Amino acid sequence: MDLWQRLVEHWRRCGVTIRSGVDAAAVRAFEAKYQTVLPSDLRSYFEVVDGMWDQMDPDLFRFWPLDEMIPVHEWLTAANPDRFAYPGCFLFADHCISCWCYAVRLCASSEQRGAVFLVTGGDPPGEKLADSVVEFVEMYLTDVKSIYAP
C-alpha cells in the first residue's frame, strides 16, 4: 500500500471523513494564484486526498484542503515575530486548532523537494522537521510525537 493510501486508511480508522482528491485544474489554479509549483509529492497527495473537513484526528491534527493553504506570512500577523521567517512556505496542517502549524516550502520546480517546517508564531522561529512531505507524513504515521512542538 502506498503512503497516501496508508494515510487515508489511518484517517478512516480514526473516524475522519475523507475528502476526495482534487483534479489537475485545481492544482494549476493554486499554482497560478501564488505563482509557485507544488512539489511532486504534495501534488500526488492532493490528487489522492484533499485534506480533512473541519475535523481533527484523535491526536488533534488537521490536514488542510488545497484551497485553504496560505502563505505563512499571510496567516501570521505583525504580533508574530516569526511572520517572515518561512519564505516560500505555505501552511498545510495544524495541531489543536492551530496551537502550532506545519508549512511546506514550495519551489520553482515540481521535482524539487519541499521541506516541512513547524510554525509556532513565536521567537525563535520553528524548526525544519522533514526534508519533504513524504518524510513528514511518514513521521506522522509512525511516531506522531516526533512532529509535536517542543
N, C-alpha and C. Protein backbone atom coordinates (compact mmCIF):
# COMPACT_ATOMS: atom_id res chain seq x y z
N MET A 1 0.85 -1.18 0.00
CA MET A 1 0.00 0.00 0.00
C MET A 1 0.90 1.24 0.00
N ASP A 2 0.60 2.20 -0.86
CA ASP A 2 1.44 3.39 -0.91
C ASP A 2 1.13 4.32 0.27
N LEU A 3 1.96 5.31 0.45
CA LEU A 3 1.89 6.19 1.61
C LEU A 3 0.54 6.90 1.71
N TRP A 4 0.04 7.42 0.59
CA TRP A 4 -1.20 8.17 0.66
C TRP A 4 -2.37 7.26 1.01
N GLN A 5 -2.36 6.03 0.52
CA GLN A 5 -3.41 5.09 0.89
C GLN A 5 -3.30 4.71 2.37
N ARG A 6 -2.07 4.57 2.87
CA ARG A 6 -1.89 4.31 4.31
C ARG A 6 -2.45 5.47 5.14
N LEU A 7 -2.22 6.69 4.67
CA LEU A 7 -2.74 7.86 5.37
C LEU A 7 -4.26 7.86 5.37
N VAL A 8 -4.86 7.62 4.23
CA VAL A 8 -6.32 7.56 4.12
C VAL A 8 -6.88 6.48 5.03
N GLU A 9 -6.27 5.30 5.03
CA GLU A 9 -6.74 4.21 5.90
C GLU A 9 -6.60 4.58 7.38
N HIS A 10 -5.51 5.24 7.73
CA HIS A 10 -5.32 5.71 9.12
C HIS A 10 -6.47 6.64 9.51
N TRP A 11 -6.76 7.60 8.66
CA TRP A 11 -7.83 8.54 8.96
C TRP A 11 -9.18 7.84 9.04
N ARG A 12 -9.43 6.88 8.15
CA ARG A 12 -10.70 6.14 8.22
C ARG A 12 -10.83 5.41 9.54
N ARG A 13 -9.74 4.74 9.96
CA ARG A 13 -9.77 4.03 11.26
C ARG A 13 -10.04 5.00 12.41
N CYS A 14 -9.63 6.26 12.26
CA CYS A 14 -9.82 7.28 13.30
C CYS A 14 -11.18 7.96 13.21
N GLY A 15 -11.95 7.60 12.19
CA GLY A 15 -13.27 8.20 12.03
C GLY A 15 -13.27 9.54 11.31
N VAL A 16 -12.17 9.88 10.66
CA VAL A 16 -12.08 11.12 9.90
C VAL A 16 -12.79 10.94 8.56
N THR A 17 -13.61 11.90 8.19
CA THR A 17 -14.27 11.88 6.89
C THR A 17 -13.25 12.29 5.83
N ILE A 18 -13.11 11.45 4.81
CA ILE A 18 -12.09 11.66 3.79
C ILE A 18 -12.62 12.56 2.68
N ARG A 19 -11.85 13.57 2.33
CA ARG A 19 -12.17 14.43 1.19
C ARG A 19 -11.55 13.82 -0.07
N SER A 20 -12.30 13.79 -1.12
CA SER A 20 -11.78 13.28 -2.39
C SER A 20 -10.65 14.18 -2.88
N GLY A 21 -9.73 13.57 -3.62
CA GLY A 21 -8.63 14.33 -4.18
C GLY A 21 -9.09 15.40 -5.15
N VAL A 22 -8.20 16.34 -5.44
CA VAL A 22 -8.50 17.42 -6.37
C VAL A 22 -8.05 17.03 -7.77
N ASP A 23 -8.56 17.73 -8.76
CA ASP A 23 -8.14 17.47 -10.14
C ASP A 23 -6.98 18.39 -10.52
N ALA A 24 -6.40 18.12 -11.66
CA ALA A 24 -5.23 18.88 -12.12
C ALA A 24 -5.55 20.36 -12.28
N ALA A 25 -6.79 20.68 -12.65
CA ALA A 25 -7.17 22.09 -12.82
C ALA A 25 -7.10 22.85 -11.49
N ALA A 26 -7.47 22.21 -10.39
CA ALA A 26 -7.40 22.86 -9.08
C ALA A 26 -5.96 23.13 -8.69
N VAL A 27 -5.08 22.18 -8.98
CA VAL A 27 -3.66 22.36 -8.69
C VAL A 27 -3.11 23.51 -9.53
N ARG A 28 -3.42 23.52 -10.82
CA ARG A 28 -2.94 24.59 -11.71
C ARG A 28 -3.45 25.95 -11.24
N ALA A 29 -4.70 26.02 -10.80
CA ALA A 29 -5.28 27.29 -10.32
C ALA A 29 -4.54 27.78 -9.08
N PHE A 30 -4.25 26.87 -8.15
CA PHE A 30 -3.49 27.25 -6.96
C PHE A 30 -2.11 27.76 -7.35
N GLU A 31 -1.42 27.02 -8.21
CA GLU A 31 -0.08 27.40 -8.64
C GLU A 31 -0.09 28.75 -9.36
N ALA A 32 -1.10 29.00 -10.16
CA ALA A 32 -1.19 30.28 -10.87
C ALA A 32 -1.48 31.42 -9.90
N LYS A 33 -2.36 31.18 -8.95
CA LYS A 33 -2.72 32.22 -7.97
C LYS A 33 -1.48 32.68 -7.20
N TYR A 34 -0.64 31.73 -6.80
CA TYR A 34 0.52 32.06 -5.97
C TYR A 34 1.83 32.09 -6.75
N GLN A 35 1.77 31.84 -8.05
CA GLN A 35 2.95 31.84 -8.92
C GLN A 35 4.07 30.97 -8.34
N THR A 36 3.69 29.72 -8.07
CA THR A 36 4.61 28.74 -7.50
C THR A 36 4.26 27.37 -8.06
N VAL A 37 4.98 26.37 -7.61
CA VAL A 37 4.75 24.99 -8.06
C VAL A 37 4.72 24.07 -6.84
N LEU A 38 3.75 23.18 -6.81
CA LEU A 38 3.71 22.19 -5.73
C LEU A 38 4.79 21.14 -5.99
N PRO A 39 5.53 20.74 -4.94
CA PRO A 39 6.44 19.60 -5.11
C PRO A 39 5.63 18.37 -5.56
N SER A 40 6.26 17.48 -6.29
CA SER A 40 5.52 16.34 -6.86
C SER A 40 4.86 15.48 -5.78
N ASP A 41 5.49 15.35 -4.60
CA ASP A 41 4.86 14.53 -3.56
C ASP A 41 3.60 15.19 -3.02
N LEU A 42 3.62 16.51 -2.86
CA LEU A 42 2.43 17.21 -2.37
C LEU A 42 1.33 17.18 -3.42
N ARG A 43 1.71 17.31 -4.68
CA ARG A 43 0.74 17.22 -5.76
C ARG A 43 0.07 15.84 -5.75
N SER A 44 0.85 14.78 -5.63
CA SER A 44 0.24 13.44 -5.63
C SER A 44 -0.63 13.21 -4.40
N TYR A 45 -0.25 13.78 -3.26
CA TYR A 45 -1.08 13.72 -2.05
C TYR A 45 -2.45 14.33 -2.35
N PHE A 46 -2.45 15.56 -2.88
CA PHE A 46 -3.72 16.24 -3.15
C PHE A 46 -4.54 15.55 -4.23
N GLU A 47 -3.90 14.83 -5.12
CA GLU A 47 -4.65 14.07 -6.13
C GLU A 47 -5.38 12.88 -5.50
N VAL A 48 -4.86 12.37 -4.39
CA VAL A 48 -5.47 11.23 -3.70
C VAL A 48 -6.48 11.69 -2.66
N VAL A 49 -6.09 12.67 -1.85
CA VAL A 49 -6.95 13.14 -0.76
C VAL A 49 -6.73 14.64 -0.57
N ASP A 50 -7.82 15.36 -0.44
CA ASP A 50 -7.75 16.82 -0.29
C ASP A 50 -7.90 17.21 1.18
N GLY A 51 -6.99 16.70 1.99
CA GLY A 51 -7.01 17.06 3.41
C GLY A 51 -8.25 16.56 4.14
N MET A 52 -8.58 17.27 5.20
CA MET A 52 -9.71 16.89 6.05
C MET A 52 -10.78 17.98 5.99
N TRP A 53 -12.01 17.59 6.29
CA TRP A 53 -13.06 18.58 6.51
C TRP A 53 -12.72 19.30 7.81
N ASP A 54 -13.64 20.00 8.39
CA ASP A 54 -13.39 20.72 9.64
C ASP A 54 -13.42 19.78 10.83
N GLN A 55 -12.49 18.84 10.84
CA GLN A 55 -12.37 17.92 11.95
C GLN A 55 -10.91 17.56 12.14
N MET A 56 -10.60 17.05 13.31
CA MET A 56 -9.23 16.65 13.63
C MET A 56 -9.18 15.16 13.87
N ASP A 57 -7.98 14.60 13.78
CA ASP A 57 -7.81 13.19 14.15
C ASP A 57 -7.76 13.10 15.68
N PRO A 58 -7.70 11.91 16.25
CA PRO A 58 -7.68 11.79 17.71
C PRO A 58 -6.47 12.46 18.38
N ASP A 59 -5.38 12.68 17.62
CA ASP A 59 -4.21 13.37 18.17
C ASP A 59 -4.29 14.88 17.96
N LEU A 60 -5.45 15.36 17.49
CA LEU A 60 -5.75 16.78 17.29
C LEU A 60 -5.02 17.42 16.11
N PHE A 61 -4.68 16.61 15.11
CA PHE A 61 -4.08 17.14 13.89
C PHE A 61 -5.16 17.32 12.83
N ARG A 62 -4.97 18.34 12.03
CA ARG A 62 -5.85 18.56 10.88
C ARG A 62 -4.99 18.90 9.67
N PHE A 63 -5.18 18.16 8.58
CA PHE A 63 -4.52 18.43 7.32
C PHE A 63 -5.49 19.25 6.48
N TRP A 64 -5.03 20.37 5.96
CA TRP A 64 -5.91 21.32 5.28
C TRP A 64 -6.14 20.96 3.82
N PRO A 65 -7.33 21.31 3.29
CA PRO A 65 -7.57 21.16 1.85
C PRO A 65 -6.69 22.15 1.07
N LEU A 66 -6.47 21.86 -0.19
CA LEU A 66 -5.65 22.73 -1.04
C LEU A 66 -6.16 24.16 -1.02
N ASP A 67 -7.46 24.35 -1.07
CA ASP A 67 -7.98 25.72 -1.15
C ASP A 67 -7.86 26.48 0.18
N GLU A 68 -7.39 25.84 1.23
CA GLU A 68 -7.13 26.53 2.49
C GLU A 68 -5.65 26.83 2.70
N MET A 69 -4.79 26.24 1.88
CA MET A 69 -3.36 26.52 2.02
C MET A 69 -3.10 28.00 1.79
N ILE A 70 -2.23 28.56 2.62
CA ILE A 70 -1.98 30.00 2.57
C ILE A 70 -0.51 30.26 2.93
N PRO A 71 0.09 31.28 2.33
CA PRO A 71 1.47 31.61 2.72
C PRO A 71 1.54 31.93 4.22
N VAL A 72 2.59 31.48 4.86
CA VAL A 72 2.74 31.69 6.30
C VAL A 72 2.61 33.17 6.64
N HIS A 73 3.28 34.04 5.88
CA HIS A 73 3.27 35.46 6.22
C HIS A 73 1.88 36.10 6.10
N GLU A 74 0.98 35.47 5.35
CA GLU A 74 -0.39 35.99 5.26
C GLU A 74 -1.25 35.52 6.43
N TRP A 75 -0.88 34.40 7.02
CA TRP A 75 -1.67 33.86 8.13
C TRP A 75 -1.22 34.44 9.47
N LEU A 76 0.11 34.52 9.67
CA LEU A 76 0.61 35.15 10.89
C LEU A 76 0.40 36.66 10.79
N THR A 77 0.44 37.32 11.93
CA THR A 77 0.22 38.77 11.97
C THR A 77 1.48 39.48 12.43
N ALA A 78 1.41 40.80 12.48
CA ALA A 78 2.55 41.60 12.94
C ALA A 78 2.93 41.26 14.38
N ALA A 79 2.01 40.67 15.12
CA ALA A 79 2.30 40.27 16.51
C ALA A 79 3.19 39.03 16.59
N ASN A 80 3.33 38.31 15.48
CA ASN A 80 4.14 37.10 15.46
C ASN A 80 5.55 37.42 14.98
N PRO A 81 6.56 37.27 15.86
CA PRO A 81 7.92 37.62 15.46
C PRO A 81 8.50 36.77 14.34
N ASP A 82 7.93 35.61 14.09
CA ASP A 82 8.45 34.75 13.02
C ASP A 82 7.65 34.85 11.72
N ARG A 83 6.85 35.89 11.60
CA ARG A 83 5.96 36.05 10.44
C ARG A 83 6.68 35.88 9.10
N PHE A 84 7.87 36.42 8.96
CA PHE A 84 8.59 36.38 7.68
C PHE A 84 9.77 35.41 7.71
N ALA A 85 9.76 34.47 8.65
CA ALA A 85 10.87 33.53 8.81
C ALA A 85 10.76 32.30 7.92
N TYR A 86 9.68 32.19 7.15
CA TYR A 86 9.44 30.99 6.34
C TYR A 86 9.17 31.38 4.89
N PRO A 87 10.15 31.95 4.19
CA PRO A 87 9.90 32.40 2.81
C PRO A 87 9.52 31.24 1.90
N GLY A 88 8.50 31.47 1.09
CA GLY A 88 8.04 30.46 0.15
C GLY A 88 7.27 29.32 0.79
N CYS A 89 6.96 29.43 2.08
CA CYS A 89 6.28 28.35 2.79
C CYS A 89 4.78 28.62 2.91
N PHE A 90 4.01 27.53 2.76
CA PHE A 90 2.56 27.59 2.85
C PHE A 90 2.07 26.63 3.92
N LEU A 91 1.14 27.09 4.74
CA LEU A 91 0.57 26.24 5.78
C LEU A 91 -0.30 25.17 5.13
N PHE A 92 -0.17 23.94 5.66
CA PHE A 92 -0.98 22.84 5.11
C PHE A 92 -1.55 21.93 6.19
N ALA A 93 -1.19 22.15 7.45
CA ALA A 93 -1.71 21.32 8.54
C ALA A 93 -1.53 22.08 9.84
N ASP A 94 -2.29 21.66 10.85
CA ASP A 94 -2.13 22.27 12.17
C ASP A 94 -2.40 21.24 13.26
N HIS A 95 -2.08 21.64 14.47
CA HIS A 95 -2.33 20.81 15.65
C HIS A 95 -3.18 21.61 16.63
N CYS A 96 -4.23 21.00 17.11
CA CYS A 96 -5.06 21.55 18.19
C CYS A 96 -5.57 22.96 17.86
N ILE A 97 -6.31 23.06 16.76
CA ILE A 97 -6.89 24.32 16.32
C ILE A 97 -5.82 25.41 16.24
N SER A 98 -4.75 25.07 15.56
CA SER A 98 -3.65 26.00 15.24
C SER A 98 -2.84 26.45 16.45
N CYS A 99 -2.73 25.57 17.47
CA CYS A 99 -1.76 25.87 18.53
C CYS A 99 -0.37 26.00 17.90
N TRP A 100 -0.11 25.16 16.94
CA TRP A 100 1.03 25.31 16.05
C TRP A 100 0.64 24.72 14.71
N CYS A 101 1.39 25.11 13.68
CA CYS A 101 1.06 24.70 12.31
C CYS A 101 2.27 24.10 11.62
N TYR A 102 2.02 23.58 10.43
CA TYR A 102 3.06 22.98 9.61
C TYR A 102 3.01 23.63 8.23
N ALA A 103 4.17 23.97 7.72
CA ALA A 103 4.27 24.64 6.42
C ALA A 103 5.24 23.89 5.54
N VAL A 104 4.95 23.91 4.25
CA VAL A 104 5.81 23.28 3.26
C VAL A 104 6.37 24.39 2.37
N ARG A 105 7.65 24.29 2.06
CA ARG A 105 8.27 25.26 1.15
C ARG A 105 7.98 24.83 -0.28
N LEU A 106 7.29 25.72 -1.01
CA LEU A 106 7.00 25.46 -2.40
C LEU A 106 8.17 25.95 -3.24
N CYS A 107 8.30 25.41 -4.43
CA CYS A 107 9.52 25.56 -5.21
C CYS A 107 9.24 26.09 -6.61
N ALA A 108 10.31 26.26 -7.35
CA ALA A 108 10.21 26.69 -8.74
C ALA A 108 9.96 25.51 -9.66
N SER A 109 10.21 24.30 -9.18
CA SER A 109 10.05 23.10 -10.00
C SER A 109 9.38 22.01 -9.17
N SER A 110 8.51 21.25 -9.80
CA SER A 110 7.83 20.16 -9.08
C SER A 110 8.79 19.05 -8.69
N GLU A 111 9.97 19.02 -9.30
CA GLU A 111 10.95 17.98 -8.98
C GLU A 111 11.76 18.31 -7.72
N GLN A 112 11.69 19.55 -7.26
CA GLN A 112 12.38 19.91 -6.03
C GLN A 112 11.54 19.43 -4.85
N ARG A 113 12.24 19.03 -3.79
CA ARG A 113 11.55 18.58 -2.58
C ARG A 113 11.20 19.80 -1.74
N GLY A 114 10.03 19.79 -1.16
CA GLY A 114 9.58 20.87 -0.31
C GLY A 114 9.75 20.51 1.15
N ALA A 115 10.69 21.17 1.82
CA ALA A 115 10.91 20.91 3.25
C ALA A 115 9.68 21.33 4.05
N VAL A 116 9.47 20.66 5.18
CA VAL A 116 8.33 20.95 6.06
C VAL A 116 8.86 21.55 7.35
N PHE A 117 8.22 22.64 7.77
CA PHE A 117 8.63 23.39 8.95
C PHE A 117 7.52 23.44 9.98
N LEU A 118 7.90 23.46 11.24
CA LEU A 118 7.00 23.72 12.35
C LEU A 118 6.85 25.23 12.44
N VAL A 119 5.63 25.73 12.50
CA VAL A 119 5.37 27.16 12.61
C VAL A 119 4.69 27.40 13.95
N THR A 120 5.38 28.11 14.83
CA THR A 120 4.85 28.33 16.18
C THR A 120 4.28 29.72 16.39
N GLY A 121 4.62 30.65 15.51
CA GLY A 121 4.17 32.02 15.70
C GLY A 121 4.97 32.75 16.76
N GLY A 122 6.12 32.21 17.13
CA GLY A 122 6.91 32.79 18.22
C GLY A 122 8.35 33.02 17.85
N ASP A 123 9.12 33.25 18.88
CA ASP A 123 10.55 33.50 18.72
C ASP A 123 11.29 32.55 19.65
N PRO A 124 12.21 31.76 19.16
CA PRO A 124 12.72 31.71 17.79
C PRO A 124 11.73 31.01 16.87
N PRO A 125 11.92 31.18 15.54
CA PRO A 125 11.04 30.50 14.59
C PRO A 125 11.10 28.98 14.76
N GLY A 126 10.08 28.33 14.27
CA GLY A 126 10.04 26.87 14.32
C GLY A 126 11.14 26.27 13.47
N GLU A 127 11.37 25.00 13.67
CA GLU A 127 12.47 24.31 13.00
C GLU A 127 11.99 23.50 11.81
N LYS A 128 12.94 23.13 10.97
CA LYS A 128 12.63 22.20 9.87
C LYS A 128 12.44 20.83 10.49
N LEU A 129 11.32 20.19 10.15
CA LEU A 129 11.01 18.86 10.67
C LEU A 129 11.34 17.75 9.70
N ALA A 130 11.20 18.04 8.41
CA ALA A 130 11.36 16.99 7.40
C ALA A 130 11.84 17.62 6.10
N ASP A 131 12.53 16.82 5.30
CA ASP A 131 13.02 17.28 4.00
C ASP A 131 11.95 17.26 2.93
N SER A 132 10.81 16.61 3.21
CA SER A 132 9.75 16.50 2.20
C SER A 132 8.42 16.20 2.89
N VAL A 133 7.35 16.34 2.13
CA VAL A 133 6.02 15.99 2.64
C VAL A 133 5.96 14.49 2.91
N VAL A 134 6.56 13.69 2.04
CA VAL A 134 6.58 12.24 2.25
C VAL A 134 7.20 11.91 3.60
N GLU A 135 8.36 12.50 3.89
CA GLU A 135 9.03 12.23 5.17
C GLU A 135 8.16 12.69 6.34
N PHE A 136 7.52 13.86 6.21
CA PHE A 136 6.65 14.37 7.27
C PHE A 136 5.48 13.42 7.53
N VAL A 137 4.84 12.95 6.48
CA VAL A 137 3.68 12.06 6.65
C VAL A 137 4.13 10.72 7.25
N GLU A 138 5.29 10.23 6.85
CA GLU A 138 5.82 9.00 7.48
C GLU A 138 6.00 9.22 8.99
N MET A 139 6.54 10.38 9.37
CA MET A 139 6.71 10.69 10.79
C MET A 139 5.35 10.74 11.50
N TYR A 140 4.39 11.38 10.88
CA TYR A 140 3.04 11.48 11.42
C TYR A 140 2.44 10.09 11.64
N LEU A 141 2.61 9.20 10.68
CA LEU A 141 2.01 7.86 10.77
C LEU A 141 2.75 6.93 11.72
N THR A 142 4.05 7.08 11.85
CA THR A 142 4.83 6.11 12.63
C THR A 142 5.20 6.59 14.03
N ASP A 143 5.33 7.90 14.22
CA ASP A 143 5.72 8.44 15.53
C ASP A 143 5.21 9.88 15.64
N VAL A 144 3.91 10.01 15.84
CA VAL A 144 3.28 11.33 15.79
C VAL A 144 3.92 12.34 16.74
N LYS A 145 4.44 11.88 17.86
CA LYS A 145 5.07 12.80 18.82
C LYS A 145 6.33 13.44 18.25
N SER A 146 6.92 12.83 17.20
CA SER A 146 8.12 13.40 16.60
C SER A 146 7.85 14.71 15.86
N ILE A 147 6.57 15.02 15.60
CA ILE A 147 6.25 16.28 14.94
C ILE A 147 5.58 17.27 15.87
N TYR A 148 5.53 16.98 17.16
CA TYR A 148 4.99 17.93 18.14
C TYR A 148 5.97 19.08 18.32
N ALA A 149 5.43 20.23 18.71
CA ALA A 149 6.27 21.37 19.07
C ALA A 149 7.00 21.03 20.37
N PRO A 150 8.22 21.55 20.51
CA PRO A 150 8.98 21.26 21.74
C PRO A 150 8.31 21.83 22.99
